[in-house]
Protein backbone atom coordinates (compact mmCIF):
# COMPACT_ATOMS: atom_id res chain seq x y z
CA UNK A 1 204.89 104.28 255.15
CA UNK A 2 205.23 101.10 253.12
CA UNK A 3 208.29 102.44 251.28
CA UNK A 4 210.07 103.24 254.56
CA UNK A 5 209.38 99.71 255.81
CA UNK A 6 210.90 98.35 252.60
CA UNK A 7 213.90 100.60 253.18
CA UNK A 8 214.43 99.22 256.67
CA UNK A 9 214.12 95.67 255.35
CA UNK A 10 216.90 96.38 252.85
CA UNK A 11 218.94 98.18 255.50
CA UNK A 12 218.59 95.24 257.89
CA UNK A 13 219.70 92.85 255.16
CA UNK A 14 222.81 94.93 254.58
CA UNK A 15 223.49 95.44 258.27
CA UNK A 16 223.18 99.19 257.74
CA UNK A 17 220.40 99.40 260.31
CA UNK A 18 222.72 97.97 262.97
CA UNK A 19 225.40 100.52 262.11
CA UNK A 20 222.85 103.32 262.22
CA UNK A 21 221.45 102.14 265.56
CA UNK A 22 224.99 101.90 266.90
CA UNK A 23 225.73 105.50 265.91
CA UNK A 24 222.39 106.59 267.36
CA UNK A 25 223.24 104.84 270.62
CA UNK A 26 226.66 106.51 270.79
CA UNK A 27 225.09 109.92 270.15
CA UNK A 28 222.47 109.27 272.84
CA UNK A 29 225.13 108.21 275.33
CA UNK A 30 227.24 111.24 274.45
CA UNK A 31 224.32 113.63 274.92
CA UNK A 32 223.40 111.97 278.21
CA UNK A 33 226.97 112.24 279.49
CA UNK A 34 226.97 115.97 278.71
């Protein structure tokens, strides 16, 4: 669990987490619209 937390810390620093969340949000909206 600690390694995944470290991963998210690195991802947040790189802004990757925001991109991933954005894609996740788009997918969720797409699924909801269907």
